[in-house]
PDB file of all heavy atoms in Angstrom:
ATOM      1  N   ASP A   1      -0.871  -6.442  -5.138  1.00  0.00           N
ATOM      2  CA  ASP A   1      -0.771  -5.311  -4.160  1.00  0.00           C
ATOM      3  C   ASP A   1      -1.529  -5.756  -2.880  1.00  0.00           C
ATOM      4  O   ASP A   1      -1.123  -5.422  -1.727  1.00  0.00           O
ATOM      5  CB  ASP A   1      -1.351  -4.099  -4.709  1.00  0.00           C
ATOM      6  CG  ASP A   1      -0.350  -3.460  -5.744  1.00  0.00           C
ATOM      7  OD1 ASP A   1       0.826  -3.786  -5.697  1.00  0.00           O
ATOM      8  OD2 ASP A   1      -0.946  -2.607  -6.560  1.00  0.00           O
ATOM      9  N   GLN A   2      -2.678  -6.300  -3.010  1.00  0.00           N
ATOM     10  CA  GLN A   2      -3.466  -6.736  -1.776  1.00  0.00           C
ATOM     11  C   GLN A   2      -2.698  -7.752  -0.977  1.00  0.00           C
ATOM     12  O   GLN A   2      -2.685  -7.595   0.253  1.00  0.00           O
ATOM     13  CB  GLN A   2      -4.715  -7.449  -2.380  1.00  0.00           C
ATOM     14  CG  GLN A   2      -5.661  -7.920  -1.170  1.00  0.00           C
ATOM     15  CD  GLN A   2      -6.964  -8.564  -1.702  1.00  0.00           C
ATOM     16  OE1 GLN A   2      -6.911  -9.415  -2.494  1.00  0.00           O
ATOM     17  NE2 GLN A   2      -8.099  -8.045  -1.381  1.00  0.00           N
ATOM     18  N   GLN A   3      -1.986  -8.775  -1.641  1.00  0.00           N
ATOM     19  CA  GLN A   3      -1.175  -9.582  -0.885  1.00  0.00           C
ATOM     20  C   GLN A   3       0.051  -8.882  -0.154  1.00  0.00           C
ATOM     21  O   GLN A   3       0.405  -9.143   0.875  1.00  0.00           O
ATOM     22  CB  GLN A   3      -0.733 -10.775  -1.776  1.00  0.00           C
ATOM     23  CG  GLN A   3      -1.847 -11.666  -2.237  1.00  0.00           C
ATOM     24  CD  GLN A   3      -1.347 -12.647  -3.293  1.00  0.00           C
ATOM     25  OE1 GLN A   3      -0.408 -12.457  -4.006  1.00  0.00           O
ATOM     26  NE2 GLN A   3      -2.154 -13.737  -3.426  1.00  0.00           N
ATOM     27  N   ARG A   4       0.643  -7.861  -0.795  1.00  0.00           N
ATOM     28  CA  ARG A   4       1.585  -7.115  -0.222  1.00  0.00           C
ATOM     29  C   ARG A   4       1.166  -6.429   1.024  1.00  0.00           C
ATOM     30  O   ARG A   4       1.812  -6.310   2.107  1.00  0.00           O
ATOM     31  CB  ARG A   4       2.197  -6.117  -1.200  1.00  0.00           C
ATOM     32  CG  ARG A   4       3.078  -6.654  -2.201  1.00  0.00           C
ATOM     33  CD  ARG A   4       3.779  -5.509  -3.066  1.00  0.00           C
ATOM     34  NE  ARG A   4       4.430  -4.610  -2.232  1.00  0.00           N
ATOM     35  CZ  ARG A   4       4.320  -3.286  -2.563  1.00  0.00           C
ATOM     36  NH1 ARG A   4       3.640  -2.765  -3.498  1.00  0.00           N
ATOM     37  NH2 ARG A   4       5.078  -2.353  -1.743  1.00  0.00           N
ATOM     38  N   LEU A   5      -0.047  -5.830   0.940  1.00  0.00           N
ATOM     39  CA  LEU A   5      -0.636  -5.167   2.077  1.00  0.00           C
ATOM     40  C   LEU A   5      -0.933  -6.025   3.251  1.00  0.00           C
ATOM     41  O   LEU A   5      -0.714  -5.690   4.406  1.00  0.00           O
ATOM     42  CB  LEU A   5      -1.890  -4.484   1.626  1.00  0.00           C
ATOM     43  CG  LEU A   5      -1.875  -3.189   0.847  1.00  0.00           C
ATOM     44  CD1 LEU A   5      -3.155  -2.753   0.317  1.00  0.00           C
ATOM     45  CD2 LEU A   5      -1.324  -2.090   1.740  1.00  0.00           C
ATOM     46  N   ARG A   6      -1.144  -7.412   2.970  1.00  0.00           N
ATOM     47  CA  ARG A   6      -1.510  -8.333   4.009  1.00  0.00           C
ATOM     48  C   ARG A   6      -0.188  -8.803   4.505  1.00  0.00           C
ATOM     49  O   ARG A   6      -0.249  -9.059   5.794  1.00  0.00           O
ATOM     50  CB  ARG A   6      -2.217  -9.526   3.484  1.00  0.00           C
ATOM     51  CG  ARG A   6      -3.658  -9.133   3.132  1.00  0.00           C
ATOM     52  CD  ARG A   6      -4.460 -10.398   2.731  1.00  0.00           C
ATOM     53  NE  ARG A   6      -5.802 -10.106   2.389  1.00  0.00           N
ATOM     54  CZ  ARG A   6      -6.633 -10.923   1.754  1.00  0.00           C
ATOM     55  NH1 ARG A   6      -6.195 -12.057   1.262  1.00  0.00           N
ATOM     56  NH2 ARG A   6      -7.916 -10.628   1.638  1.00  0.00           N
ATOM     57  N   SER A   7       0.845  -9.165   3.808  1.00  0.00           N
ATOM     58  CA  SER A   7       1.923 -10.021   4.296  1.00  0.00           C
ATOM     59  C   SER A   7       3.115  -9.130   4.668  1.00  0.00           C
ATOM     60  O   SER A   7       4.076  -9.747   5.226  1.00  0.00           O
ATOM     61  CB  SER A   7       2.201 -11.065   3.205  1.00  0.00           C
ATOM     62  OG  SER A   7       2.642 -10.549   1.992  1.00  0.00           O
ATOM     63  N   GLU A   8       3.323  -8.019   4.172  1.00  0.00           N
ATOM     64  CA  GLU A   8       4.488  -7.244   4.387  1.00  0.00           C
ATOM     65  C   GLU A   8       4.255  -6.116   5.404  1.00  0.00           C
ATOM     66  O   GLU A   8       3.256  -5.541   5.530  1.00  0.00           O
ATOM     67  CB  GLU A   8       5.032  -6.602   3.002  1.00  0.00           C
ATOM     68  CG  GLU A   8       5.465  -7.713   2.026  1.00  0.00           C
ATOM     69  CD  GLU A   8       5.959  -6.978   0.758  1.00  0.00           C
ATOM     70  OE1 GLU A   8       6.255  -5.780   0.786  1.00  0.00           O
ATOM     71  OE2 GLU A   8       6.055  -7.744  -0.206  1.00  0.00           O
ATOM     72  N   GLN A   9       5.327  -5.671   6.111  1.00  0.00           N
ATOM     73  CA  GLN A   9       5.386  -4.548   6.906  1.00  0.00           C
ATOM     74  C   GLN A   9       5.715  -3.383   5.949  1.00  0.00           C
ATOM     75  O   GLN A   9       6.868  -3.093   5.816  1.00  0.00           O
ATOM     76  CB  GLN A   9       6.288  -4.800   8.130  1.00  0.00           C
ATOM     77  CG  GLN A   9       5.909  -5.757   9.025  1.00  0.00           C
ATOM     78  CD  GLN A   9       4.598  -5.411   9.676  1.00  0.00           C
ATOM     79  OE1 GLN A   9       4.317  -4.227  10.043  1.00  0.00           O
ATOM     80  NE2 GLN A   9       3.789  -6.367  10.029  1.00  0.00           N
ATOM     81  N   LEU A  10       4.686  -2.719   5.432  1.00  0.00           N
ATOM     82  CA  LEU A  10       4.975  -1.589   4.514  1.00  0.00           C
ATOM     83  C   LEU A  10       5.120  -0.285   5.418  1.00  0.00           C
ATOM     84  O   LEU A  10       4.431  -0.130   6.375  1.00  0.00           O
ATOM     85  CB  LEU A  10       3.888  -1.532   3.499  1.00  0.00           C
ATOM     86  CG  LEU A  10       3.630  -2.631   2.619  1.00  0.00           C
ATOM     87  CD1 LEU A  10       2.420  -2.345   1.648  1.00  0.00           C
ATOM     88  CD2 LEU A  10       4.835  -2.967   1.792  1.00  0.00           C
ATOM     89  N   GLY A  11       6.086   0.641   4.946  1.00  0.00           N
ATOM     90  CA  GLY A  11       6.143   1.777   5.621  1.00  0.00           C
ATOM     91  C   GLY A  11       4.968   2.781   5.234  1.00  0.00           C
ATOM     92  O   GLY A  11       4.204   2.541   4.247  1.00  0.00           O
ATOM     93  N   PRO A  12       4.753   3.796   6.023  1.00  0.00           N
ATOM     94  CA  PRO A  12       3.710   4.688   5.798  1.00  0.00           C
ATOM     95  C   PRO A  12       3.780   5.292   4.338  1.00  0.00           C
ATOM     96  O   PRO A  12       2.640   5.444   3.778  1.00  0.00           O
ATOM     97  CB  PRO A  12       3.896   5.792   6.870  1.00  0.00           C
ATOM     98  CG  PRO A  12       4.692   5.164   7.867  1.00  0.00           C
ATOM     99  CD  PRO A  12       5.533   4.234   7.278  1.00  0.00           C
ATOM    100  N   ALA A  13       4.955   5.663   3.924  1.00  0.00           N
ATOM    101  CA  ALA A  13       4.955   6.269   2.607  1.00  0.00           C
ATOM    102  C   ALA A  13       4.495   5.194   1.433  1.00  0.00           C
ATOM    103  O   ALA A  13       3.805   5.589   0.516  1.00  0.00           O
ATOM    104  CB  ALA A  13       6.273   6.668   2.278  1.00  0.00           C
ATOM    105  N   GLU A  14       4.881   3.885   1.614  1.00  0.00           N
ATOM    106  CA  GLU A  14       4.436   2.916   0.632  1.00  0.00           C
ATOM    107  C   GLU A  14       2.889   2.665   0.777  1.00  0.00           C
ATOM    108  O   GLU A  14       2.290   2.654  -0.297  1.00  0.00           O
ATOM    109  CB  GLU A  14       5.059   1.521   0.894  1.00  0.00           C
ATOM    110  CG  GLU A  14       6.659   1.548   0.620  1.00  0.00           C
ATOM    111  CD  GLU A  14       7.233   0.305   1.111  1.00  0.00           C
ATOM    112  OE1 GLU A  14       7.202   0.091   2.262  1.00  0.00           O
ATOM    113  OE2 GLU A  14       7.851  -0.360   0.255  1.00  0.00           O
ATOM    114  N   VAL A  15       2.340   2.627   1.936  1.00  0.00           N
ATOM    115  CA  VAL A  15       0.865   2.520   2.013  1.00  0.00           C
ATOM    116  C   VAL A  15       0.157   3.820   1.506  1.00  0.00           C
ATOM    117  O   VAL A  15      -0.849   3.650   0.777  1.00  0.00           O
ATOM    118  CB  VAL A  15       0.520   2.400   3.541  1.00  0.00           C
ATOM    119  CG1 VAL A  15      -1.049   2.377   3.745  1.00  0.00           C
ATOM    120  CG2 VAL A  15       1.031   1.020   4.099  1.00  0.00           C
ATOM    121  N   GLU A  16       0.731   4.900   1.625  1.00  0.00           N
ATOM    122  CA  GLU A  16       0.202   6.119   1.086  1.00  0.00           C
ATOM    123  C   GLU A  16       0.180   6.215  -0.407  1.00  0.00           C
ATOM    124  O   GLU A  16      -0.745   6.588  -1.044  1.00  0.00           O
ATOM    125  CB  GLU A  16       0.845   7.363   1.636  1.00  0.00           C
ATOM    126  CG  GLU A  16       0.562   7.583   3.103  1.00  0.00           C
ATOM    127  CD  GLU A  16       1.126   8.870   3.692  1.00  0.00           C
ATOM    128  OE1 GLU A  16       1.942   9.447   2.960  1.00  0.00           O
ATOM    129  OE2 GLU A  16       1.129   8.932   4.931  1.00  0.00           O
ATOM    130  N   GLN A  17       1.303   5.615  -0.944  1.00  0.00           N
ATOM    131  CA  GLN A  17       1.364   5.554  -2.414  1.00  0.00           C
ATOM    132  C   GLN A  17       0.378   4.733  -2.983  1.00  0.00           C
ATOM    133  O   GLN A  17      -0.304   4.917  -4.000  1.00  0.00           O
ATOM    134  CB  GLN A  17       2.747   5.207  -2.858  1.00  0.00           C
ATOM    135  CG  GLN A  17       3.768   6.170  -2.723  1.00  0.00           C
ATOM    136  CD  GLN A  17       5.328   5.725  -2.976  1.00  0.00           C
ATOM    137  OE1 GLN A  17       5.415   4.543  -3.118  1.00  0.00           O
ATOM    138  NE2 GLN A  17       6.122   6.580  -3.043  1.00  0.00           N
ATOM    139  N   ILE A  18       0.196   3.596  -2.415  1.00  0.00           N
ATOM    140  CA  ILE A  18      -0.803   2.580  -2.862  1.00  0.00           C
ATOM    141  C   ILE A  18      -2.177   3.128  -2.654  1.00  0.00           C
ATOM    142  O   ILE A  18      -2.989   3.049  -3.512  1.00  0.00           O
ATOM    143  CB  ILE A  18      -0.785   1.203  -1.979  1.00  0.00           C
ATOM    144  CG1 ILE A  18       0.591   0.465  -2.368  1.00  0.00           C
ATOM    145  CG2 ILE A  18      -1.792   0.321  -2.191  1.00  0.00           C
ATOM    146  CD1 ILE A  18       0.907  -0.702  -1.603  1.00  0.00           C
ATOM    147  N   ALA A  19      -2.460   3.778  -1.501  1.00  0.00           N
ATOM    148  CA  ALA A  19      -3.763   4.514  -1.324  1.00  0.00           C
ATOM    149  C   ALA A  19      -4.067   5.543  -2.456  1.00  0.00           C
ATOM    150  O   ALA A  19      -5.174   5.510  -3.016  1.00  0.00           O
ATOM    151  CB  ALA A  19      -3.892   5.210  -0.045  1.00  0.00           C
ATOM    152  N   ALA A  20      -3.125   6.331  -2.733  1.00  0.00           N
ATOM    153  CA  ALA A  20      -3.381   7.236  -3.839  1.00  0.00           C
ATOM    154  C   ALA A  20      -3.546   6.607  -5.144  1.00  0.00           C
ATOM    155  O   ALA A  20      -4.498   7.151  -5.847  1.00  0.00           O
ATOM    156  CB  ALA A  20      -2.031   8.280  -3.827  1.00  0.00           C
ATOM    157  N   ARG A  21      -2.770   5.686  -5.510  1.00  0.00           N
ATOM    158  CA  ARG A  21      -2.991   5.010  -6.861  1.00  0.00           C
ATOM    159  C   ARG A  21      -4.256   4.367  -6.950  1.00  0.00           C
ATOM    160  O   ARG A  21      -4.970   4.519  -7.896  1.00  0.00           O
ATOM    161  CB  ARG A  21      -1.906   3.990  -6.877  1.00  0.00           C
ATOM    162  CG  ARG A  21      -1.671   3.438  -8.214  1.00  0.00           C
ATOM    163  CD  ARG A  21      -0.364   2.655  -8.523  1.00  0.00           C
ATOM    164  NE  ARG A  21      -0.157   1.637  -7.544  1.00  0.00           N
ATOM    165  CZ  ARG A  21       0.815   1.801  -6.557  1.00  0.00           C
ATOM    166  NH1 ARG A  21       1.732   2.801  -6.575  1.00  0.00           N
ATOM    167  NH2 ARG A  21       1.020   0.780  -5.702  1.00  0.00           N
ATOM    168  N   TYR A  22      -4.758   3.660  -5.860  1.00  0.00           N
ATOM    169  CA  TYR A  22      -6.001   3.004  -5.972  1.00  0.00           C
ATOM    170  C   TYR A  22      -7.205   3.931  -5.775  1.00  0.00           C
ATOM    171  O   TYR A  22      -8.204   3.681  -6.380  1.00  0.00           O
ATOM    172  CB  TYR A  22      -6.078   1.837  -4.826  1.00  0.00           C
ATOM    173  CG  TYR A  22      -5.352   0.659  -5.412  1.00  0.00           C
ATOM    174  CD1 TYR A  22      -3.910   0.534  -5.231  1.00  0.00           C
ATOM    175  CD2 TYR A  22      -5.948  -0.415  -6.217  1.00  0.00           C
ATOM    176  CE1 TYR A  22      -3.300  -0.646  -5.804  1.00  0.00           C
ATOM    177  CE2 TYR A  22      -5.301  -1.365  -6.779  1.00  0.00           C
ATOM    178  CZ  TYR A  22      -4.017  -1.546  -6.582  1.00  0.00           C
ATOM    179  OH  TYR A  22      -3.350  -2.567  -7.185  1.00  0.00           O
ATOM    180  N   ALA A  23      -7.011   5.060  -5.106  1.00  0.00           N
ATOM    181  CA  ALA A  23      -8.142   6.018  -5.105  1.00  0.00           C
ATOM    182  C   ALA A  23      -8.309   6.581  -6.422  1.00  0.00           C
ATOM    183  O   ALA A  23      -9.410   6.631  -6.901  1.00  0.00           O
ATOM    184  CB  ALA A  23      -7.761   7.228  -4.175  1.00  0.00           C
ATOM    185  N   ALA A  24      -7.257   6.889  -7.129  1.00  0.00           N
ATOM    186  CA  ALA A  24      -7.396   7.441  -8.529  1.00  0.00           C
ATOM    187  C   ALA A  24      -7.937   6.290  -9.580  1.00  0.00           C
ATOM    188  O   ALA A  24      -8.773   6.500 -10.281  1.00  0.00           O
ATOM    189  CB  ALA A  24      -6.000   7.816  -9.114  1.00  0.00           C
TER     190      ALA A  24
END
């Protein structure tokens, strides 16, 4: 997931999903 965040152009919804998952 960290590599995806670095290397891909993720949309806001994908970033928010990752954020929520990792906050929990």
